[in-house]
Amino acid sequence: MKAATGIGIAIACVGLLLGASMEGTPLGSLFNVPAMLIIFGGVAGATLAAVGMDAMKLVPTLYKKVMNAETPDLRGRVSDLVGYAERARRDGLLALEEDLEHVDDPYTRKGLQLVVDGTPPELVKEILESEIHAMRARHKAGAKVFESAGGFAPTMGVLGTVMGLISALQKLDQPETLGPAISAAFIATLLGVGAANIVLLPVAERLKQLSAAEVQGRVLVLDGVLAIQSGDNPRVIEEKLASYVPPAERGDEEPEPTEGPQLHAVDDEERMAA
């Protein structure tokens, strides 16, 4: 599901707010402006110091990607590569040049272009693997932003609580204000821990999963391009690349178990008894 991350975050927020309301916690008290400034300002500043401005600029794009992520169509990629293999086997590798402008995926197009240009297989593999390594490094840097923020948020919450308690303890001569002040102080910890475990760390984990799925898709394309270049049979290529596709998406039906071995076992037992 494309919106699974957003739905999960919404469910977590609703569950926590509903539970707090049932316990008698005034939900309005959670919207504490000083605590929010301490948490969100402190987390933003610490994360900026840790990952740099260039990485911070990617935060809106990464949020959008996570909230609207699409599952890679591995089966579709296998079908496309098998089609290119059939074309190459029938008309030659140079015939693929006519199809390049219709290839939507830049990585697949680059691999096929290298093959059409007569690039040696070892160099094709090296170039395409370098693309995968570079992509993995970019994705790791993106996930690191949210991992860092998720690590800083609880600590900032504790700092906010300590600051709130310092302010509360200075009013010991006003017992009627002590309870609300202490309660407000702990809101900072609540916000920090909540932001880390409901939003920041789940987003970081989701980015890692999306990266792993995209890497798997590119490895599939790499193997397919090399197989096309080596002139393998399209059916063999299809069987090889199908291993990257989850069994539930392959559309293959599992063969029904036969009764032969059981009948044979019975015959053996009867023969031994005889």
C-alpha atoms as a PDB file:
ATOM      1  CA  MET A   1       0.000   0.000   0.000  1.00  0.00           C
ATOM      2  CA  LYS A   2       1.436   3.366  -1.051  1.00  0.00           C
ATOM      3  CA  ALA A   3       0.180   5.292   1.991  1.00  0.00           C
ATOM      4  CA  ALA A   4       1.044   2.639   4.584  1.00  0.00           C
ATOM      5  CA  THR A   5       3.547   4.847   6.417  1.00  0.00           C
ATOM      6  CA  GLY A   6       1.126   7.762   6.722  1.00  0.00           C
ATOM      7  CA  ILE A   7      -1.661   5.459   7.850  1.00  0.00           C
ATOM      8  CA  GLY A   8       0.598   3.861  10.443  1.00  0.00           C
ATOM      9  CA  ILE A   9       1.657   7.215  11.880  1.00  0.00           C
ATOM     10  CA  ALA A  10      -1.975   8.350  12.005  1.00  0.00           C
ATOM     11  CA  ILE A  11      -3.053   5.158  13.805  1.00  0.00           C
ATOM     12  CA  ALA A  12      -0.270   5.576  16.373  1.00  0.00           C
ATOM     13  CA  CYS A  13      -1.199   9.218  17.041  1.00  0.00           C
ATOM     14  CA  VAL A  14      -4.902   8.466  17.347  1.00  0.00           C
ATOM     15  CA  GLY A  15      -4.237   5.542  19.665  1.00  0.00           C
ATOM     16  CA  LEU A  16      -2.024   7.565  21.975  1.00  0.00           C
ATOM     17  CA  LEU A  17      -4.349  10.578  22.070  1.00  0.00           C
ATOM     18  CA  LEU A  18      -7.401   8.408  22.604  1.00  0.00           C
ATOM     19  CA  GLY A  19      -5.705   6.490  25.394  1.00  0.00           C
ATOM     20  CA  ALA A  20      -4.553   9.702  27.070  1.00  0.00           C
ATOM     21  CA  SER A  21      -8.056  11.138  26.824  1.00  0.00           C
ATOM     22  CA  MET A  22      -9.583   8.012  28.383  1.00  0.00           C
ATOM     23  CA  GLU A  23      -7.150   8.314  31.285  1.00  0.00           C
ATOM     24  CA  GLY A  24      -8.315  11.871  31.872  1.00  0.00           C
ATOM     25  CA  THR A  25      -5.379  13.750  30.391  1.00  0.00           C
ATOM     26  CA  PRO A  26      -6.477  17.113  28.961  1.00  0.00           C
ATOM     27  CA  LEU A  27      -5.404  16.947  25.338  1.00  0.00           C
ATOM     28  CA  GLY A  28      -5.053  20.714  25.219  1.00  0.00           C
ATOM     29  CA  SER A  29      -2.220  20.530  27.738  1.00  0.00           C
ATOM     30  CA  LEU A  30      -0.124  18.567  25.241  1.00  0.00           C
ATOM     31  CA  PHE A  31       0.126  21.596  22.988  1.00  0.00           C
ATOM     32  CA  ASN A  32       2.720  23.327  25.110  1.00  0.00           C
ATOM     33  CA  VAL A  33       4.442  26.009  23.033  1.00  0.00           C
ATOM     34  CA  PRO A  34       7.672  26.253  25.105  1.00  0.00           C
ATOM     35  CA  ALA A  35       8.069  22.460  25.045  1.00  0.00           C
ATOM     36  CA  MET A  36       7.493  22.396  21.285  1.00  0.00           C
ATOM     37  CA  LEU A  37      10.103  25.090  20.748  1.00  0.00           C
ATOM     38  CA  ILE A  38      12.626  23.178  22.836  1.00  0.00           C
ATOM     39  CA  ILE A  39      11.957  19.850  21.088  1.00  0.00           C
ATOM     40  CA  PHE A  40      11.527  20.861  17.466  1.00  0.00           C
ATOM     41  CA  GLY A  41      14.023  23.722  17.566  1.00  0.00           C
ATOM     42  CA  GLY A  42      16.594  21.672  19.432  1.00  0.00           C
ATOM     43  CA  VAL A  43      16.158  18.603  17.212  1.00  0.00           C
ATOM     44  CA  ALA A  44      16.332  20.671  14.021  1.00  0.00           C
ATOM     45  CA  GLY A  45      19.479  22.453  15.143  1.00  0.00           C
ATOM     46  CA  ALA A  46      21.248  19.331  16.371  1.00  0.00           C
ATOM     47  CA  THR A  47      20.345  17.395  13.224  1.00  0.00           C
ATOM     48  CA  LEU A  48      21.547  20.251  11.024  1.00  0.00           C
ATOM     49  CA  ALA A  49      24.844  20.255  12.884  1.00  0.00           C
ATOM     50  CA  ALA A  50      25.137  16.481  12.419  1.00  0.00           C
ATOM     51  CA  VAL A  51      24.210  15.994   8.750  1.00  0.00           C
ATOM     52  CA  GLY A  52      24.698  19.409   7.125  1.00  0.00           C
ATOM     53  CA  MET A  53      22.453  21.752   5.179  1.00  0.00           C
ATOM     54  CA  ASP A  54      22.405  19.761   1.926  1.00  0.00           C
ATOM     55  CA  ALA A  55      20.932  16.735   3.667  1.00  0.00           C
ATOM     56  CA  MET A  56      18.409  18.846   5.594  1.00  0.00           C
ATOM     57  CA  LYS A  57      17.112  20.320   2.336  1.00  0.00           C
ATOM     58  CA  LEU A  58      16.069  16.810   1.284  1.00  0.00           C
ATOM     59  CA  VAL A  59      13.715  16.344   4.246  1.00  0.00           C
ATOM     60  CA  PRO A  60      10.508  17.503   2.466  1.00  0.00           C
ATOM     61  CA  THR A  61      11.301  15.331  -0.571  1.00  0.00           C
ATOM     62  CA  LEU A  62      12.039  12.306   1.606  1.00  0.00           C
ATOM     63  CA  TYR A  63       8.811  12.763   3.559  1.00  0.00           C
ATOM     64  CA  LYS A  64       6.888  12.917   0.297  1.00  0.00           C
ATOM     65  CA  LYS A  65       8.636   9.813  -0.983  1.00  0.00           C
ATOM     66  CA  VAL A  66       7.876   7.830   2.168  1.00  0.00           C
ATOM     67  CA  MET A  67       4.239   8.892   2.340  1.00  0.00           C
ATOM     68  CA  ASN A  68       3.612   8.072  -1.322  1.00  0.00           C
ATOM     69  CA  ALA A  69       6.008   5.198  -1.966  1.00  0.00           C
ATOM     70  CA  GLU A  70       5.237   2.758  -4.766  1.00  0.00           C
ATOM     71  CA  THR A  71       6.192  -0.913  -4.695  1.00  0.00           C
ATOM     72  CA  PRO A  72       8.696  -1.733  -7.479  1.00  0.00           C
ATOM     73  CA  ASP A  73       7.135  -3.749 -10.293  1.00  0.00           C
ATOM     74  CA  LEU A  74       9.739  -6.517 -10.410  1.00  0.00           C
ATOM     75  CA  ARG A  75       7.559  -8.782 -12.510  1.00  0.00           C
ATOM     76  CA  GLY A  76       7.129  -5.988 -15.058  1.00  0.00           C
ATOM     77  CA  ARG A  77      10.895  -5.486 -15.233  1.00  0.00           C
ATOM     78  CA  VAL A  78      11.423  -9.179 -15.852  1.00  0.00           C
ATOM     79  CA  SER A  79       8.854  -9.099 -18.651  1.00  0.00           C
ATOM     80  CA  ASP A  80      10.528  -6.074 -20.262  1.00  0.00           C
ATOM     81  CA  LEU A  81      14.004  -7.597 -20.094  1.00  0.00           C
ATOM     82  CA  VAL A  82      12.778 -10.865 -21.574  1.00  0.00           C
ATOM     83  CA  GLY A  83      11.217  -8.860 -24.407  1.00  0.00           C
ATOM     84  CA  TYR A  84      14.540  -7.123 -25.071  1.00  0.00           C
ATOM     85  CA  ALA A  85      16.291 -10.494 -25.002  1.00  0.00           C
ATOM     86  CA  GLU A  86      13.893 -11.895 -27.589  1.00  0.00           C
ATOM     87  CA  ARG A  87      14.423  -8.855 -29.798  1.00  0.00           C
ATOM     88  CA  ALA A  88      18.210  -9.109 -29.478  1.00  0.00           C
ATOM     89  CA  ARG A  89      18.205 -12.839 -30.185  1.00  0.00           C
ATOM     90  CA  ARG A  90      16.023 -12.381 -33.249  1.00  0.00           C
ATOM     91  CA  ASP A  91      17.451  -9.172 -34.759  1.00  0.00           C
ATOM     92  CA  GLY A  92      20.795  -8.696 -33.018  1.00  0.00           C
ATOM     93  CA  LEU A  93      21.951  -6.439 -30.187  1.00  0.00           C
ATOM     94  CA  LEU A  94      22.062  -3.352 -32.406  1.00  0.00           C
ATOM     95  CA  ALA A  95      18.304  -3.651 -32.931  1.00  0.00           C
ATOM     96  CA  LEU A  96      17.819  -2.638 -29.284  1.00  0.00           C
ATOM     97  CA  GLU A  97      18.919   0.885 -30.149  1.00  0.00           C
ATOM     98  CA  GLU A  98      15.489   1.482 -31.673  1.00  0.00           C
ATOM     99  CA  ASP A  99      13.850   0.606 -28.344  1.00  0.00           C
ATOM    100  CA  LEU A 100      16.043   2.790 -26.121  1.00  0.00           C
ATOM    101  CA  GLU A 101      13.905   5.912 -26.432  1.00  0.00           C
ATOM    102  CA  HIS A 102      10.904   3.937 -25.195  1.00  0.00           C
ATOM    103  CA  VAL A 103      12.661   2.642 -22.045  1.00  0.00           C
ATOM    104  CA  ASP A 104      11.295   4.605 -19.085  1.00  0.00           C
ATOM    105  CA  ASP A 105      13.791   3.470 -16.448  1.00  0.00           C
ATOM    106  CA  PRO A 106      17.075   5.450 -16.810  1.00  0.00           C
ATOM    107  CA  TYR A 107      19.113   2.626 -15.265  1.00  0.00           C
ATOM    108  CA  THR A 108      17.780   0.027 -17.710  1.00  0.00           C
ATOM    109  CA  ARG A 109      18.256   2.437 -20.610  1.00  0.00           C
ATOM    110  CA  LYS A 110      21.845   3.084 -19.592  1.00  0.00           C
ATOM    111  CA  GLY A 111      22.601  -0.641 -19.364  1.00  0.00           C
ATOM    112  CA  LEU A 112      21.104  -1.384 -22.772  1.00  0.00           C
ATOM    113  CA  GLN A 113      22.928   1.599 -24.288  1.00  0.00           C
ATOM    114  CA  LEU A 114      26.232   0.220 -23.036  1.00  0.00           C
ATOM    115  CA  VAL A 115      25.414  -3.135 -24.603  1.00  0.00           C
ATOM    116  CA  VAL A 116      24.428  -1.568 -27.921  1.00  0.00           C
ATOM    117  CA  ASP A 117      27.665   0.458 -27.935  1.00  0.00           C
ATOM    118  CA  GLY A 118      29.678  -2.756 -27.697  1.00  0.00           C
ATOM    119  CA  THR A 119      31.058  -2.134 -24.222  1.00  0.00           C
ATOM    120  CA  PRO A 120      32.863  -5.204 -22.798  1.00  0.00           C
ATOM    121  CA  PRO A 121      30.749  -7.178 -20.282  1.00  0.00           C
ATOM    122  CA  GLU A 122      33.219  -6.590 -17.451  1.00  0.00           C
ATOM    123  CA  LEU A 123      33.019  -2.839 -17.961  1.00  0.00           C
ATOM    124  CA  VAL A 124      29.216  -2.917 -18.257  1.00  0.00           C
ATOM    125  CA  LYS A 125      29.022  -4.736 -14.931  1.00  0.00           C
ATOM    126  CA  GLU A 126      31.479  -2.325 -13.299  1.00  0.00           C
ATOM    127  CA  ILE A 127      29.600   0.768 -14.481  1.00  0.00           C
ATOM    128  CA  LEU A 128      26.175  -0.515 -13.470  1.00  0.00           C
ATOM    129  CA  GLU A 129      27.439  -1.715 -10.084  1.00  0.00           C
ATOM    130  CA  SER A 130      28.948   1.736  -9.481  1.00  0.00           C
ATOM    131  CA  GLU A 131      25.505   3.222 -10.119  1.00  0.00           C
ATOM    132  CA  ILE A 132      24.037   0.889  -7.496  1.00  0.00           C
ATOM    133  CA  HIS A 133      26.704   1.750  -4.924  1.00  0.00           C
ATOM    134  CA  ALA A 134      26.218   5.489  -5.504  1.00  0.00           C
ATOM    135  CA  MET A 135      22.449   5.174  -5.165  1.00  0.00           C
ATOM    136  CA  ARG A 136      22.795   3.161  -1.960  1.00  0.00           C
ATOM    137  CA  ALA A 137      25.085   5.844  -0.505  1.00  0.00           C
ATOM    138  CA  ARG A 138      22.569   8.593  -1.344  1.00  0.00           C
ATOM    139  CA  HIS A 139      19.731   6.639   0.232  1.00  0.00           C
ATOM    140  CA  LYS A 140      21.823   5.953   3.343  1.00  0.00           C
ATOM    141  CA  ALA A 141      22.475   9.691   3.727  1.00  0.00           C
ATOM    142  CA  GLY A 142      18.748  10.392   3.469  1.00  0.00           C
ATOM    143  CA  ALA A 143      17.838   7.836   6.109  1.00  0.00           C
ATOM    144  CA  LYS A 144      20.638   9.162   8.336  1.00  0.00           C
ATOM    145  CA  VAL A 145      18.814  12.498   8.653  1.00  0.00           C
ATOM    146  CA  PHE A 146      15.819  10.863  10.311  1.00  0.00           C
ATOM    147  CA  GLU A 147      17.939   8.450  12.329  1.00  0.00           C
ATOM    148  CA  SER A 148      19.912  11.362  13.762  1.00  0.00           C
ATOM    149  CA  ALA A 149      16.759  13.336  14.523  1.00  0.00           C
ATOM    150  CA  GLY A 150      15.211  10.258  16.151  1.00  0.00           C
ATOM    151  CA  GLY A 151      18.248   9.930  18.386  1.00  0.00           C
ATOM    152  CA  PHE A 152      18.288  13.577  19.401  1.00  0.00           C
ATOM    153  CA  ALA A 153      14.545  13.949  20.074  1.00  0.00           C
ATOM    154  CA  PRO A 154      14.317  11.958  23.363  1.00  0.00           C
ATOM    155  CA  THR A 155      17.416  13.693  24.715  1.00  0.00           C
ATOM    156  CA  MET A 156      15.972  17.085  23.871  1.00  0.00           C
ATOM    157  CA  GLY A 157      12.804  15.988  25.659  1.00  0.00           C
ATOM    158  CA  VAL A 158      14.773  15.221  28.803  1.00  0.00           C
ATOM    159  CA  LEU A 159      16.540  18.576  28.571  1.00  0.00           C
ATOM    160  CA  GLY A 160      13.184  20.323  28.228  1.00  0.00           C
ATOM    161  CA  THR A 161      11.840  18.466  31.244  1.00  0.00           C
ATOM    162  CA  VAL A 162      14.868  19.386  33.350  1.00  0.00           C
ATOM    163  CA  MET A 163      14.484  23.016  32.368  1.00  0.00           C
ATOM    164  CA  GLY A 164      10.804  22.869  33.278  1.00  0.00           C
ATOM    165  CA  LEU A 165      11.549  21.282  36.647  1.00  0.00           C
ATOM    166  CA  ILE A 166      14.130  23.978  37.417  1.00  0.00           C
ATOM    167  CA  SER A 167      11.457  26.574  36.778  1.00  0.00           C
ATOM    168  CA  ALA A 168       8.917  24.659  38.895  1.00  0.00           C
ATOM    169  CA  LEU A 169      11.274  24.239  41.855  1.00  0.00           C
ATOM    170  CA  GLN A 170      11.806  27.962  41.970  1.00  0.00           C
ATOM    171  CA  LYS A 171       8.120  28.307  42.866  1.00  0.00           C
ATOM    172  CA  LEU A 172       8.039  26.085  45.941  1.00  0.00           C
ATOM    173  CA  ASP A 173       6.589  28.987  47.872  1.00  0.00           C
ATOM    174  CA  GLN A 174       3.532  28.774  45.564  1.00  0.00           C
ATOM    175  CA  PRO A 175       2.183  25.244  46.120  1.00  0.00           C
ATOM    176  CA  GLU A 176      -0.887  25.867  43.994  1.00  0.00           C
ATOM    177  CA  THR A 177       1.298  26.318  40.857  1.00  0.00           C
ATOM    178  CA  LEU A 178       3.674  23.441  41.563  1.00  0.00           C
ATOM    179  CA  GLY A 179       1.498  20.649  40.120  1.00  0.00           C
ATOM    180  CA  PRO A 180       0.717  22.322  36.777  1.00  0.00           C
ATOM    181  CA  ALA A 181       4.372  23.384  36.396  1.00  0.00           C
ATOM    182  CA  ILE A 182       5.690  19.863  36.938  1.00  0.00           C
ATOM    183  CA  SER A 183       3.052  18.455  34.599  1.00  0.00           C
ATOM    184  CA  ALA A 184       4.023  20.931  31.888  1.00  0.00           C
ATOM    185  CA  ALA A 185       7.700  20.045  32.360  1.00  0.00           C
ATOM    186  CA  PHE A 186       7.120  16.377  31.509  1.00  0.00           C
ATOM    187  CA  ILE A 187       5.328  17.294  28.280  1.00  0.00           C
ATOM    188  CA  ALA A 188       8.740  17.959  26.716  1.00  0.00           C
ATOM    189  CA  THR A 189       9.814  14.357  27.346  1.00  0.00           C
ATOM    190  CA  LEU A 190       6.505  13.116  25.990  1.00  0.00           C
ATOM    191  CA  LEU A 191       6.886  15.132  22.801  1.00  0.00           C
ATOM    192  CA  GLY A 192      10.503  14.121  22.312  1.00  0.00           C
ATOM    193  CA  VAL A 193       9.941  10.402  22.790  1.00  0.00           C
ATOM    194  CA  GLY A 194       6.729  10.516  20.784  1.00  0.00           C
ATOM    195  CA  ALA A 195       8.283  12.346  17.826  1.00  0.00           C
ATOM    196  CA  ALA A 196      11.187   9.898  17.743  1.00  0.00           C
ATOM    197  CA  ASN A 197       9.187   6.680  17.958  1.00  0.00           C
ATOM    198  CA  ILE A 198       6.072   7.659  16.022  1.00  0.00           C
ATOM    199  CA  VAL A 199       7.532   9.706  13.161  1.00  0.00           C
ATOM    200  CA  LEU A 200      11.313   9.998  12.864  1.00  0.00           C
ATOM    201  CA  LEU A 201      12.540   6.443  13.411  1.00  0.00           C
ATOM    202  CA  PRO A 202       9.683   4.792  11.450  1.00  0.00           C
ATOM    203  CA  VAL A 203      10.389   7.105   8.502  1.00  0.00           C
ATOM    204  CA  ALA A 204      14.099   6.226   8.659  1.00  0.00           C
ATOM    205  CA  GLU A 205      13.289   2.513   8.685  1.00  0.00           C
ATOM    206  CA  ARG A 206      10.877   2.912   5.782  1.00  0.00           C
ATOM    207  CA  LEU A 207      13.527   4.728   3.749  1.00  0.00           C
ATOM    208  CA  LYS A 208      15.894   1.810   4.322  1.00  0.00           C
ATOM    209  CA  GLN A 209      13.256  -0.647   3.104  1.00  0.00           C
ATOM    210  CA  LEU A 210      12.567   1.411  -0.006  1.00  0.00           C
ATOM    211  CA  SER A 211      16.284   1.623  -0.701  1.00  0.00           C
ATOM    212  CA  ALA A 212      16.696  -2.150  -0.362  1.00  0.00           C
ATOM    213  CA  ALA A 213      13.782  -2.726  -2.755  1.00  0.00           C
ATOM    214  CA  GLU A 214      15.248  -0.337  -5.333  1.00  0.00           C
ATOM    215  CA  VAL A 215      18.669  -1.949  -5.039  1.00  0.00           C
ATOM    216  CA  GLN A 216      17.086  -5.350  -5.623  1.00  0.00           C
ATOM    217  CA  GLY A 217      15.342  -4.010  -8.717  1.00  0.00           C
ATOM    218  CA  ARG A 218      18.601  -2.648 -10.105  1.00  0.00           C
ATOM    219  CA  VAL A 219      20.471  -5.889  -9.426  1.00  0.00           C
ATOM    220  CA  LEU A 220      17.710  -7.653 -11.364  1.00  0.00           C
ATOM    221  CA  VAL A 221      18.248  -5.272 -14.290  1.00  0.00           C
ATOM    222  CA  LEU A 222      22.029  -5.723 -14.075  1.00  0.00           C
ATOM    223  CA  ASP A 223      21.756  -9.504 -14.326  1.00  0.00           C
ATOM    224  CA  GLY A 224      19.230  -9.191 -17.153  1.00  0.00           C
ATOM    225  CA  VAL A 225      21.390  -6.805 -19.187  1.00  0.00           C
ATOM    226  CA  LEU A 226      24.454  -9.017 -18.822  1.00  0.00           C
ATOM    227  CA  ALA A 227      22.429 -12.074 -19.821  1.00  0.00           C
ATOM    228  CA  ILE A 228      21.134 -10.252 -22.914  1.00  0.00           C
ATOM    229  CA  GLN A 229      24.662  -9.240 -23.842  1.00  0.00           C
ATOM    230  CA  SER A 230      25.905 -12.819 -23.505  1.00  0.00           C
ATOM    231  CA  GLY A 231      23.131 -14.045 -25.802  1.00  0.00           C
ATOM    232  CA  ASP A 232      21.362 -16.309 -23.322  1.00  0.00           C
ATOM    233  CA  ASN A 233      18.078 -17.906 -24.278  1.00  0.00           C
ATOM    234  CA  PRO A 234      15.151 -15.626 -23.329  1.00  0.00           C
ATOM    235  CA  ARG A 235      13.446 -18.473 -21.481  1.00  0.00           C
ATOM    236  CA  VAL A 236      16.573 -19.074 -19.434  1.00  0.00           C
ATOM    237  CA  ILE A 237      16.784 -15.345 -18.669  1.00  0.00           C
ATOM    238  CA  GLU A 238      13.169 -15.349 -17.536  1.00  0.00           C
ATOM    239  CA  GLU A 239      13.756 -18.280 -15.194  1.00  0.00           C
ATOM    240  CA  LYS A 240      16.878 -16.658 -13.804  1.00  0.00           C
ATOM    241  CA  LEU A 241      15.299 -13.258 -13.181  1.00  0.00           C
ATOM    242  CA  ALA A 242      12.118 -14.758 -11.740  1.00  0.00           C
ATOM    243  CA  SER A 243      14.094 -15.608  -8.602  1.00  0.00           C
ATOM    244  CA  TYR A 244      14.048 -11.888  -7.730  1.00  0.00           C
ATOM    245  CA  VAL A 245      10.252 -11.754  -7.807  1.00  0.00           C
ATOM    246  CA  PRO A 246       8.361 -12.781  -4.644  1.00  0.00           C
ATOM    247  CA  PRO A 247       6.564 -16.124  -5.197  1.00  0.00           C
ATOM    248  CA  ALA A 248       3.163 -14.496  -4.604  1.00  0.00           C
ATOM    249  CA  GLU A 249       3.775 -12.149  -7.561  1.00  0.00           C
ATOM    250  CA  ARG A 250       5.093 -14.685 -10.056  1.00  0.00           C
ATOM    251  CA  GLY A 251       1.690 -16.067 -10.982  1.00  0.00           C
ATOM    252  CA  ASP A 252       2.975 -19.625 -10.907  1.00  0.00           C
ATOM    253  CA  GLU A 253       0.767 -22.305  -9.460  1.00  0.00           C
ATOM    254  CA  GLU A 254       2.344 -24.791  -7.142  1.00  0.00           C
ATOM    255  CA  PRO A 255       2.026 -28.360  -8.461  1.00  0.00           C
ATOM    256  CA  GLU A 256      -0.327 -30.573  -6.564  1.00  0.00           C
ATOM    257  CA  PRO A 257       1.418 -33.240  -4.461  1.00  0.00           C
ATOM    258  CA  THR A 258       1.263 -36.685  -5.983  1.00  0.00           C
ATOM    259  CA  GLU A 259       0.300 -39.830  -4.155  1.00  0.00           C
ATOM    260  CA  GLY A 260       3.023 -41.903  -5.833  1.00  0.00           C
ATOM    261  CA  PRO A 261       5.585 -41.927  -3.016  1.00  0.00           C
ATOM    262  CA  GLN A 262       2.944 -42.850  -0.416  1.00  0.00           C
ATOM    263  CA  LEU A 263       1.631 -45.706  -2.534  1.00  0.00           C
ATOM    264  CA  HIS A 264       5.158 -46.906  -3.113  1.00  0.00           C
ATOM    265  CA  ALA A 265       5.778 -46.897   0.631  1.00  0.00           C
ATOM    266  CA  VAL A 266       2.676 -48.984   1.200  1.00  0.00           C
ATOM    267  CA  ASP A 267       3.813 -51.478  -1.406  1.00  0.00           C
ATOM    268  CA  ASP A 268       7.181 -51.774   0.270  1.00  0.00           C
ATOM    269  CA  GLU A 269       5.572 -52.449   3.643  1.00  0.00           C
ATOM    270  CA  GLU A 270       3.288 -55.120   2.155  1.00  0.00           C
ATOM    271  CA  ARG A 271       6.210 -56.745   0.397  1.00  0.00           C
ATOM    272  CA  MET A 272       8.233 -56.838   3.626  1.00  0.00           C
ATOM    273  CA  ALA A 273       5.264 -58.361   5.487  1.00  0.00           C
ATOM    274  CA  ALA A 274       4.938 -61.014   2.836  1.00  0.00           C
END
